[in-house]
Amino acid sequence: MKKSSFNPSRRTFITQSTKATLAVGIGSSALGSAFLTACGASKEEEEKAVQLSTGFSQAGLTYDYGALEPNIDATTMEIHYTKHAAGYARKLKAACEEEGVDMSKPLEEVLMNVSNYSTAMRNNGGGHYNHELFWSIMSPEGGGKPEGELASAIDKAFGSFDAFVEKFEGEAKGRFGSGWAWLVLDANKKLKVGSTPNQDNPLMDVSDLQGIPLMGIDVWEHAYYLHYQNERGKYVSNWWNVVNWAAVQERYVAIV
């Protein structure tokens, strides 16, 4: 299958976004500095986009497998990272080689045009991106509430932090079967929550939920079943104790 180029059908989403949203959403190196310059992106915005873009290789964890206990147990973390997530990364590279994808560019470029690629690319590209984000927005020092600009934006969008948590948990607990729940920034710079099935995500042009992910929770059974059994709701509620709000805030500030 031939590698896709920028998909004109995505132009509505792109043109309604801010300059920085554009830079991060498609990755600065994906379309080149000349394109970003034409869109008015600053050097600082380009640098932030590079920092937030996702590669095709699995990044190392910044904490030990047991560091998120008791909320996420060490065995689950080890299996999740070394088997499930590693499998997506490995199969993604195989799909890229098969379909002639340039892996020096950000993965976001592929995801935003994923309808032009195979099912293997969609499943494994989504699986890799989703997990890379998931690890990055958790921390042993997580929990509490967001502060600063993100906190204000959440209050504005949902009425209060508690109302946001209730709505987000509703998406995570109510997702039928396997999938993810998300907090995203949409094309109008508005925060919204929603969920996607399987390994889809809001960057994909096939997703009903559209936006740039700020945070997401994995609600596949492999993410919680060893410790929580069938109690997905308890896993979701306890997950707030490990959310790294500083990392989520960093993503938000970079694209508003």
Protein backbone atom coordinates (compact mmCIF):
# COMPACT_ATOMS: atom_id res chain seq x y z
CA MET A 1 0.00 0.00 0.00
CA LYS A 2 1.34 3.43 -0.93
CA LYS A 3 2.25 5.82 1.85
CA SER A 4 -0.31 8.61 2.23
CA SER A 5 0.33 12.32 2.04
CA PHE A 6 -1.59 15.03 3.92
CA ASN A 7 -5.29 14.29 3.48
CA PRO A 8 -7.36 17.26 2.26
CA SER A 9 -10.43 15.82 3.99
CA ARG A 10 -8.77 16.70 7.30
CA ARG A 11 -8.44 20.38 6.34
CA THR A 12 -11.55 21.47 8.26
CA PHE A 13 -10.06 20.15 11.50
CA ILE A 14 -6.69 21.71 10.78
CA THR A 15 -7.77 25.17 9.61
CA GLN A 16 -10.02 25.69 12.61
CA SER A 17 -7.22 24.89 15.03
CA THR A 18 -4.73 27.29 16.53
CA LYS A 19 -1.21 27.58 15.13
CA ALA A 20 0.23 25.57 17.99
CA THR A 21 -2.52 22.97 17.74
CA LEU A 22 -1.61 22.54 14.12
CA ALA A 23 2.05 22.12 14.98
CA VAL A 24 1.47 19.53 17.67
CA GLY A 25 -1.40 17.74 15.99
CA ILE A 26 0.50 16.84 12.86
CA GLY A 27 4.02 17.04 14.26
CA SER A 28 6.43 19.76 13.19
CA SER A 29 8.78 17.45 11.33
CA ALA A 30 5.86 15.75 9.62
CA LEU A 31 5.26 18.58 7.16
CA GLY A 32 8.49 20.48 7.55
CA SER A 33 9.51 23.85 8.93
CA ALA A 34 8.50 25.65 5.74
CA PHE A 35 4.88 24.56 6.19
CA LEU A 36 4.85 25.65 9.83
CA THR A 37 6.41 28.98 8.97
CA ALA A 38 3.69 29.55 6.38
CA CYS A 39 1.09 28.85 9.07
CA GLY A 40 2.74 31.35 11.39
CA ALA A 41 4.06 28.91 13.99
CA SER A 42 6.82 30.34 16.13
CA LYS A 43 10.15 28.64 16.76
CA GLU A 44 9.02 27.91 20.30
CA GLU A 45 5.83 26.28 19.03
CA GLU A 46 7.83 24.14 16.62
CA GLU A 47 10.10 22.99 19.44
CA LYS A 48 7.11 22.10 21.63
CA ALA A 49 5.60 20.15 18.75
CA VAL A 50 8.78 18.12 18.39
CA GLN A 51 8.79 17.36 22.11
CA LEU A 52 5.19 16.13 22.04
CA SER A 53 5.33 14.16 18.80
CA THR A 54 5.42 10.37 19.00
CA GLY A 55 7.98 8.09 17.41
CA PHE A 56 7.65 4.50 16.25
CA SER A 57 9.81 2.90 18.95
CA GLN A 58 8.75 2.11 22.50
CA ALA A 59 10.10 4.65 24.98
CA GLY A 60 11.43 3.50 28.33
CA LEU A 61 9.32 3.86 31.44
CA THR A 62 10.36 6.65 33.78
CA TYR A 63 9.28 4.66 36.85
CA ASP A 64 9.50 1.05 38.08
CA TYR A 65 6.77 -1.48 37.39
CA GLY A 66 5.70 -1.38 41.03
CA ALA A 67 5.86 2.39 41.41
CA LEU A 68 2.14 2.91 40.85
CA GLU A 69 1.00 0.43 43.48
CA PRO A 70 -1.49 -0.07 45.04
CA ASN A 71 -3.46 1.58 42.24
CA ILE A 72 -1.80 -0.42 39.45
CA ASP A 73 0.09 -3.53 40.52
CA ALA A 74 3.62 -4.37 39.40
CA THR A 75 2.69 -7.60 37.60
CA THR A 76 0.05 -5.87 35.52
CA MET A 77 2.42 -3.03 34.67
CA GLU A 78 5.21 -5.39 33.62
CA ILE A 79 2.97 -7.54 31.44
CA HIS A 80 1.19 -4.52 30.03
CA TYR A 81 4.42 -2.75 29.08
CA THR A 82 6.64 -5.66 28.01
CA LYS A 83 4.00 -7.80 26.27
CA HIS A 84 0.97 -5.82 25.12
CA ALA A 85 2.53 -2.42 24.42
CA ALA A 86 5.78 -3.89 23.12
CA GLY A 87 3.74 -6.07 20.78
CA TYR A 88 2.00 -3.06 19.28
CA ALA A 89 5.34 -1.31 18.71
CA ARG A 90 6.84 -4.39 17.07
CA LYS A 91 3.84 -4.99 14.79
CA LEU A 92 3.64 -1.30 13.92
CA LYS A 93 7.19 -1.36 12.59
CA ALA A 94 6.38 -4.43 10.52
CA ALA A 95 3.32 -2.70 9.08
CA CYS A 96 5.37 0.40 8.28
CA GLU A 97 7.96 -1.64 6.44
CA GLU A 98 5.23 -3.40 4.50
CA GLU A 99 3.48 -0.15 3.56
CA GLY A 100 6.52 2.03 2.97
CA VAL A 101 5.96 4.47 5.83
CA ASP A 102 8.77 6.89 6.66
CA MET A 103 9.39 6.20 10.35
CA SER A 104 11.55 9.30 10.75
CA LYS A 105 8.33 11.33 10.77
CA PRO A 106 5.94 11.58 13.74
CA LEU A 107 3.40 8.82 14.14
CA GLU A 108 0.69 11.50 14.37
CA GLU A 109 0.92 12.07 10.62
CA VAL A 110 -0.05 8.46 9.96
CA LEU A 111 -2.86 8.46 12.51
CA MET A 112 -4.49 11.57 11.07
CA ASN A 113 -4.67 9.81 7.71
CA VAL A 114 -5.11 6.27 8.97
CA SER A 115 -8.04 5.54 6.64
CA ASN A 116 -5.46 5.40 3.85
CA TYR A 117 -3.63 2.54 5.53
CA SER A 118 -4.26 -1.07 6.47
CA THR A 119 -6.12 -2.43 9.48
CA ALA A 120 -2.77 -3.54 10.89
CA MET A 121 -1.53 0.05 10.75
CA ARG A 122 -4.68 1.33 12.43
CA ASN A 123 -4.67 -1.22 15.23
CA ASN A 124 -0.96 -1.19 15.97
CA GLY A 125 -0.37 2.49 15.28
CA GLY A 126 -3.21 3.33 17.63
CA GLY A 127 -2.06 0.81 20.20
CA HIS A 128 1.46 2.21 20.20
CA TYR A 129 0.44 5.87 20.36
CA ASN A 130 -2.18 5.27 23.06
CA HIS A 131 0.20 3.41 25.33
CA GLU A 132 3.06 5.88 24.88
CA LEU A 133 0.71 8.63 26.02
CA PHE A 134 -0.71 6.49 28.84
CA TRP A 135 2.69 5.85 30.44
CA SER A 136 3.65 9.52 30.15
CA ILE A 137 0.65 10.93 32.01
CA MET A 138 1.03 8.67 35.06
CA SER A 139 3.47 9.07 37.93
CA PRO A 140 4.18 7.70 41.43
CA GLU A 141 3.78 11.32 42.57
CA GLY A 142 0.49 11.70 40.71
CA GLY A 143 -2.95 12.41 41.99
CA GLY A 144 -4.60 15.50 43.35
CA LYS A 145 -6.04 18.08 40.98
CA PRO A 146 -4.74 20.10 38.03
CA GLU A 147 -3.62 23.67 38.58
CA GLY A 148 -3.18 26.80 36.52
CA GLU A 149 -4.50 27.14 32.99
CA LEU A 150 -5.68 23.54 32.73
CA ALA A 151 -7.67 23.77 35.95
CA SER A 152 -9.36 26.94 34.72
CA ALA A 153 -10.13 25.36 31.35
CA ILE A 154 -11.66 22.28 33.02
CA ASP A 155 -13.85 24.48 35.24
CA LYS A 156 -14.95 26.46 32.21
CA ALA A 157 -15.72 23.40 30.09
CA PHE A 158 -17.36 21.16 32.69
CA GLY A 159 -18.40 23.45 35.52
CA SER A 160 -16.00 22.00 38.08
CA PHE A 161 -13.26 19.43 38.47
CA ASP A 162 -15.68 17.03 40.16
CA ALA A 163 -18.10 17.35 37.26
CA PHE A 164 -15.26 16.61 34.84
CA VAL A 165 -14.24 13.51 36.81
CA GLU A 166 -17.83 12.25 36.80
CA LYS A 167 -18.16 12.74 33.06
CA PHE A 168 -14.77 11.20 32.29
CA GLU A 169 -15.47 8.20 34.51
CA GLY A 170 -18.80 7.76 32.79
CA GLU A 171 -17.03 7.43 29.45
CA ALA A 172 -14.41 5.03 30.84
CA LYS A 173 -16.81 2.82 32.75
CA GLY A 174 -19.45 2.91 30.03
CA ARG A 175 -17.22 2.00 27.09
CA PHE A 176 -18.58 -1.34 25.89
CA GLY A 177 -15.84 -3.91 25.46
CA SER A 178 -12.25 -2.77 25.01
CA GLY A 179 -11.20 0.80 24.40
CA TRP A 180 -10.07 4.11 25.85
CA ALA A 181 -11.54 7.22 27.47
CA TRP A 182 -10.06 10.61 26.63
CA LEU A 183 -9.74 14.25 27.53
CA VAL A 184 -9.09 16.13 24.29
CA LEU A 185 -8.74 19.64 22.98
CA ASP A 186 -10.94 20.02 19.93
CA ALA A 187 -10.50 22.21 16.86
CA ASN A 188 -12.22 25.12 18.61
CA LYS A 189 -9.81 24.93 21.56
CA LYS A 190 -12.56 23.44 23.74
CA LEU A 191 -12.01 20.61 26.18
CA LYS A 192 -14.22 17.58 25.75
CA VAL A 193 -14.31 13.99 26.92
CA GLY A 194 -15.29 10.84 25.09
CA SER A 195 -14.23 7.31 24.34
CA THR A 196 -13.04 5.23 21.41
CA PRO A 197 -13.22 1.48 20.76
CA ASN A 198 -10.29 -0.91 20.58
CA GLN A 199 -7.04 1.01 19.90
CA ASP A 200 -8.61 3.91 18.03
CA ASN A 201 -7.89 7.45 19.23
CA PRO A 202 -9.19 10.99 18.58
CA LEU A 203 -6.39 11.84 16.14
CA MET A 204 -7.66 9.28 13.63
CA ASP A 205 -9.74 10.42 10.69
CA VAL A 206 -11.99 7.39 11.27
CA SER A 207 -12.87 8.38 14.86
CA ASP A 208 -16.20 9.91 15.88
CA LEU A 209 -14.35 11.70 18.69
CA GLN A 210 -12.00 14.29 17.19
CA GLY A 211 -9.29 16.29 18.93
CA ILE A 212 -5.76 16.24 20.29
CA PRO A 213 -5.46 13.88 23.28
CA LEU A 214 -4.34 15.44 26.55
CA MET A 215 -4.87 12.29 28.61
CA GLY A 216 -6.37 8.86 28.18
CA ILE A 217 -7.10 5.78 30.25
CA ASP A 218 -6.79 2.24 28.95
CA VAL A 219 -9.91 0.22 29.76
CA TRP A 220 -8.89 -3.00 28.03
CA GLU A 221 -9.11 -5.84 30.54
CA HIS A 222 -5.35 -6.44 30.37
CA ALA A 223 -4.88 -3.02 31.98
CA TYR A 224 -6.61 -3.96 35.23
CA TYR A 225 -7.98 -7.51 35.39
CA LEU A 226 -5.21 -9.20 37.42
CA HIS A 227 -5.77 -6.79 40.31
CA TYR A 228 -9.37 -5.62 39.92
CA GLN A 229 -10.92 -8.66 38.24
CA ASN A 230 -14.26 -7.53 36.75
CA GLU A 231 -14.39 -4.27 38.72
CA ARG A 232 -13.44 -1.83 35.99
CA GLY A 233 -15.14 0.96 37.92
CA LYS A 234 -12.81 0.58 40.89
CA TYR A 235 -9.78 0.65 38.60
CA VAL A 236 -11.03 3.83 36.93
CA SER A 237 -11.74 5.54 40.26
CA ASN A 238 -8.33 4.61 41.70
CA TRP A 239 -6.53 5.68 38.55
CA TRP A 240 -6.89 9.34 39.50
CA ASN A 241 -4.31 8.69 42.24
CA VAL A 242 -1.57 8.24 39.63
CA VAL A 243 -2.51 10.87 37.04
CA ASN A 244 0.45 13.18 36.42
CA TRP A 245 -1.35 16.50 36.13
CA ALA A 246 1.91 18.34 35.47
CA ALA A 247 2.38 16.27 32.31
CA VAL A 248 -1.22 16.82 31.21
CA GLN A 249 -0.84 20.54 31.88
CA GLU A 250 2.33 20.59 29.78
CA ARG A 251 0.46 19.11 26.83
CA TYR A 252 -2.40 21.57 27.25
CA VAL A 253 -0.19 24.65 27.49
CA ALA A 254 1.80 23.57 24.43
CA ILE A 255 -1.23 23.57 22.16
CA VAL A 256 -3.53 26.37 23.30
